[in-house]
Amino acid sequence: DAIYAGRKIIEVACWAHARRKFIEAEPTDRQHVGEILELIGKLYEVEDLGRGRPPQLRYELRQLKSAPLLQRIGNWLELQEHEALPKSPLGQAVRYARNNWPALNRFLEEGILEPDNNNAENALRCVALGRKNWLFVGNDDAGRRAAILYSLVASCRTLGVDPFMYLRDALVRVNSHPARLVHELAPLNWKQVFLPALTQSADQKTMAAV
């Protein structure tokens, strides 16, 4: 909550987490949980239709199909907030969704946003799998540096960029690159600004060798 308090960072909540709360409540209230899981499933059916399409088309598709579904989900949550026992698994799942409701709706606002953070969690799965092998990072500063490097490498993989090529080039450039343009060295901008020239240079060297 402290991260979002200054409003410089906008929260986009995760529907996978909200859905998991209801799945945990299913053994004690199958009828009501079945209703909400069906509605959440329809949200993901809309996402399947838009997957891989341009952000503007995804935005329009969500406004047409997802927004009415979210209205129905919101009405259902409001009703269950009054009917479900507060400390029951269903009541806790409803309260979690209600407390995060604005952030759970945020993916409607931009076509580039996702309704969950599954991609980010999958990108960081290597940390969970490997932490038994590197139990300690040394200190808090080392932990922050590791988080930065993990984020850069995961971003490169998502963008289809060779992480080694990116890091080698960015670390050479960073000493002389203007501080006001440091954003150009982020993986997405680097791919657009610097990678074409590097690729062209590599192609020229290959042609010369041939």
Protein backbone atom coordinates (compact mmCIF):
# COMPACT_ATOMS: atom_id res chain seq x y z
CA ASP A 1 0.00 0.00 0.00
CA ALA A 2 2.90 2.38 0.72
CA ILE A 3 4.15 1.96 -2.86
CA TYR A 4 0.86 3.28 -4.26
CA ALA A 5 0.25 5.95 -1.60
CA GLY A 6 2.01 8.72 -3.55
CA ARG A 7 -0.04 7.95 -6.69
CA LYS A 8 3.11 7.99 -8.84
CA ILE A 9 2.75 4.22 -9.21
CA ILE A 10 -0.72 2.97 -10.14
CA GLU A 11 -1.81 -0.44 -8.86
CA VAL A 12 -3.09 -3.06 -11.29
CA ALA A 13 -4.46 -5.90 -9.17
CA CYS A 14 -4.34 -9.58 -10.10
CA TRP A 15 -7.49 -11.52 -10.95
CA ALA A 16 -5.61 -14.80 -10.50
CA HIS A 17 -5.10 -13.95 -6.83
CA ALA A 18 -8.73 -12.90 -6.40
CA ARG A 19 -9.90 -16.11 -8.12
CA ARG A 20 -7.68 -18.23 -5.86
CA LYS A 21 -9.46 -16.86 -2.79
CA PHE A 22 -12.78 -18.10 -4.16
CA ILE A 23 -11.34 -21.50 -5.08
CA GLU A 24 -10.21 -21.85 -1.47
CA ALA A 25 -13.80 -21.10 -0.39
CA GLU A 26 -15.36 -23.62 -2.77
CA PRO A 27 -15.47 -26.61 -0.36
CA THR A 28 -17.69 -24.66 2.06
CA ASP A 29 -20.00 -22.92 -0.44
CA ARG A 30 -19.99 -24.55 -3.87
CA GLN A 31 -23.15 -22.88 -5.14
CA HIS A 32 -22.11 -19.26 -4.63
CA VAL A 33 -18.46 -19.88 -5.52
CA GLY A 34 -19.55 -21.61 -8.72
CA GLU A 35 -21.38 -18.44 -9.78
CA ILE A 36 -18.39 -16.15 -9.32
CA LEU A 37 -15.91 -18.57 -10.87
CA GLU A 38 -18.10 -18.80 -13.95
CA LEU A 39 -18.11 -14.99 -14.29
CA ILE A 40 -14.34 -14.77 -13.82
CA GLY A 41 -13.97 -17.53 -16.41
CA LYS A 42 -15.91 -15.40 -18.88
CA LEU A 43 -13.47 -12.53 -18.26
CA TYR A 44 -10.63 -14.80 -19.31
CA GLU A 45 -12.54 -15.94 -22.38
CA VAL A 46 -12.51 -12.29 -23.49
CA GLU A 47 -8.77 -12.19 -22.84
CA ASP A 48 -8.31 -15.27 -25.02
CA LEU A 49 -10.07 -13.45 -27.86
CA GLY A 50 -7.74 -10.47 -27.56
CA ARG A 51 -4.46 -12.27 -26.91
CA GLY A 52 -1.76 -11.25 -29.37
CA ARG A 53 -3.83 -8.44 -30.85
CA PRO A 54 -2.86 -4.72 -30.86
CA PRO A 55 -3.45 -2.84 -27.56
CA GLN A 56 -6.15 -0.61 -29.04
CA LEU A 57 -8.17 -3.62 -30.21
CA ARG A 58 -7.79 -5.27 -26.79
CA TYR A 59 -8.97 -2.05 -25.16
CA GLU A 60 -12.07 -1.88 -27.38
CA LEU A 61 -12.82 -5.57 -26.84
CA ARG A 62 -12.63 -5.14 -23.08
CA GLN A 63 -14.90 -2.10 -23.13
CA LEU A 64 -17.44 -4.06 -25.16
CA LYS A 65 -17.33 -7.40 -23.34
CA SER A 66 -15.33 -7.20 -20.09
CA ALA A 67 -16.85 -4.02 -18.68
CA PRO A 68 -20.41 -5.51 -18.50
CA LEU A 69 -18.99 -8.66 -16.90
CA LEU A 70 -17.20 -6.61 -14.26
CA GLN A 71 -20.45 -4.79 -13.55
CA ARG A 72 -22.13 -8.13 -12.92
CA ILE A 73 -19.24 -9.28 -10.73
CA GLY A 74 -19.35 -6.04 -8.76
CA ASN A 75 -23.09 -6.43 -8.15
CA TRP A 76 -22.57 -10.03 -7.04
CA LEU A 77 -19.80 -9.01 -4.62
CA GLU A 78 -21.94 -6.25 -3.14
CA LEU A 79 -24.78 -8.70 -2.54
CA GLN A 80 -22.53 -11.34 -0.98
CA GLU A 81 -20.85 -8.79 1.25
CA HIS A 82 -24.18 -8.47 3.08
CA GLU A 83 -25.11 -12.18 3.00
CA ALA A 84 -21.86 -14.13 3.51
CA LEU A 85 -20.50 -14.57 7.04
CA PRO A 86 -17.58 -12.12 7.36
CA LYS A 87 -15.14 -14.69 8.76
CA SER A 88 -16.16 -17.51 6.43
CA PRO A 89 -13.86 -18.41 3.50
CA LEU A 90 -16.42 -16.91 1.11
CA GLY A 91 -16.74 -13.75 3.20
CA GLN A 92 -12.97 -13.29 3.23
CA ALA A 93 -12.75 -13.85 -0.53
CA VAL A 94 -15.50 -11.30 -1.11
CA ARG A 95 -13.82 -8.76 1.16
CA TYR A 96 -10.47 -9.23 -0.63
CA ALA A 97 -12.10 -8.56 -4.02
CA ARG A 98 -14.10 -5.60 -2.71
CA ASN A 99 -11.04 -4.02 -1.08
CA ASN A 100 -9.09 -4.32 -4.33
CA TRP A 101 -11.97 -3.53 -6.67
CA PRO A 102 -10.63 -0.32 -8.31
CA ALA A 103 -7.29 -2.01 -9.01
CA LEU A 104 -9.01 -5.17 -10.30
CA ASN A 105 -10.82 -3.00 -12.85
CA ARG A 106 -7.71 -1.14 -13.96
CA PHE A 107 -6.84 -3.47 -16.83
CA LEU A 108 -9.84 -1.96 -18.64
CA GLU A 109 -8.04 1.37 -18.92
CA GLU A 110 -5.14 0.36 -21.22
CA GLY A 111 -4.81 -2.37 -23.80
CA ILE A 112 -1.22 -3.10 -22.76
CA LEU A 113 -2.28 -4.04 -19.21
CA GLU A 114 -2.95 -7.62 -18.15
CA PRO A 115 -5.70 -8.83 -15.80
CA ASP A 116 -3.15 -10.76 -13.73
CA ASN A 117 0.56 -10.88 -13.00
CA ASN A 118 1.10 -14.47 -14.12
CA ASN A 119 3.68 -13.46 -16.73
CA ALA A 120 5.72 -11.58 -14.13
CA GLU A 121 5.57 -14.47 -11.68
CA ASN A 122 6.62 -16.94 -14.38
CA ALA A 123 9.54 -14.68 -15.30
CA LEU A 124 10.72 -14.73 -11.68
CA ARG A 125 10.13 -18.43 -11.15
CA CYS A 126 13.87 -19.02 -11.50
CA VAL A 127 14.35 -17.13 -8.22
CA ALA A 128 11.95 -19.42 -6.35
CA LEU A 129 13.50 -22.53 -7.90
CA GLY A 130 17.05 -21.47 -7.17
CA ARG A 131 16.93 -19.78 -3.78
CA LYS A 132 17.85 -22.99 -1.98
CA ASN A 133 21.13 -22.83 -3.89
CA TRP A 134 21.80 -19.18 -2.98
CA LEU A 135 20.15 -18.71 0.39
CA PHE A 136 21.79 -15.35 1.13
CA VAL A 137 22.47 -12.37 -1.14
CA GLY A 138 24.83 -10.70 1.34
CA ASN A 139 22.87 -7.62 2.43
CA ASP A 140 19.90 -5.42 1.53
CA ASP A 141 21.82 -3.48 -1.13
CA ALA A 142 22.86 -6.73 -2.82
CA GLY A 143 19.23 -7.85 -2.76
CA ARG A 144 18.12 -4.67 -4.52
CA ARG A 145 20.84 -5.07 -7.15
CA ALA A 146 19.81 -8.68 -7.73
CA ALA A 147 16.17 -7.60 -8.15
CA ILE A 148 17.22 -5.00 -10.75
CA LEU A 149 19.26 -7.54 -12.71
CA TYR A 150 16.47 -10.14 -12.59
CA SER A 151 14.02 -7.52 -13.88
CA LEU A 152 16.32 -6.49 -16.74
CA VAL A 153 16.97 -10.08 -17.83
CA ALA A 154 13.27 -11.02 -17.60
CA SER A 155 12.33 -7.91 -19.61
CA CYS A 156 14.87 -8.84 -22.30
CA ARG A 157 13.46 -12.35 -22.58
CA THR A 158 9.92 -11.02 -22.83
CA LEU A 159 11.00 -8.66 -25.63
CA GLY A 160 12.95 -11.33 -27.51
CA VAL A 161 16.28 -9.59 -26.82
CA ASP A 162 19.49 -11.50 -26.05
CA PRO A 163 20.12 -10.54 -22.37
CA PHE A 164 23.90 -10.90 -22.75
CA MET A 165 23.96 -8.62 -25.81
CA TYR A 166 21.81 -6.06 -24.01
CA LEU A 167 23.83 -6.02 -20.77
CA ARG A 168 27.17 -5.92 -22.59
CA ASP A 169 26.09 -2.93 -24.70
CA ALA A 170 24.18 -1.07 -21.96
CA LEU A 171 27.03 -1.36 -19.43
CA VAL A 172 29.48 0.06 -21.99
CA ARG A 173 27.14 2.95 -22.87
CA VAL A 174 26.03 3.91 -19.37
CA ASN A 175 29.25 5.77 -18.46
CA SER A 176 28.96 8.23 -21.35
CA HIS A 177 25.19 8.27 -21.91
CA PRO A 178 23.44 11.52 -20.85
CA ALA A 179 21.72 11.08 -17.49
CA ARG A 180 18.59 12.80 -18.80
CA LEU A 181 18.29 10.08 -21.47
CA VAL A 182 18.97 7.12 -19.19
CA HIS A 183 15.47 5.80 -19.98
CA GLU A 184 16.81 4.97 -23.48
CA LEU A 185 18.85 2.19 -21.87
CA ALA A 186 15.79 0.36 -20.52
CA PRO A 187 15.35 -2.90 -22.50
CA LEU A 188 12.28 -1.81 -24.52
CA ASN A 189 13.77 1.55 -25.56
CA TRP A 190 17.23 0.01 -26.11
CA LYS A 191 15.66 -2.49 -28.52
CA GLN A 192 14.13 0.36 -30.53
CA VAL A 193 17.02 2.86 -30.36
CA PHE A 194 20.26 0.86 -30.35
CA LEU A 195 19.59 -2.73 -31.42
CA PRO A 196 18.94 -1.94 -35.13
CA ALA A 197 22.40 -0.37 -35.49
CA LEU A 198 24.06 -3.28 -33.66
CA THR A 199 22.25 -5.80 -35.84
CA GLN A 200 23.19 -3.92 -39.01
CA SER A 201 26.83 -3.79 -37.92
CA ALA A 202 26.86 -7.52 -37.20
CA ASP A 203 25.30 -8.24 -40.62
CA GLN A 204 27.95 -6.10 -42.33
CA LYS A 205 30.74 -7.97 -40.53
CA THR A 206 29.20 -11.27 -41.59
CA MET A 207 28.97 -10.15 -45.22
CA ALA A 208 32.60 -8.94 -45.14
CA ALA A 209 33.73 -12.28 -43.77
CA VAL A 210 31.87 -14.11 -46.54
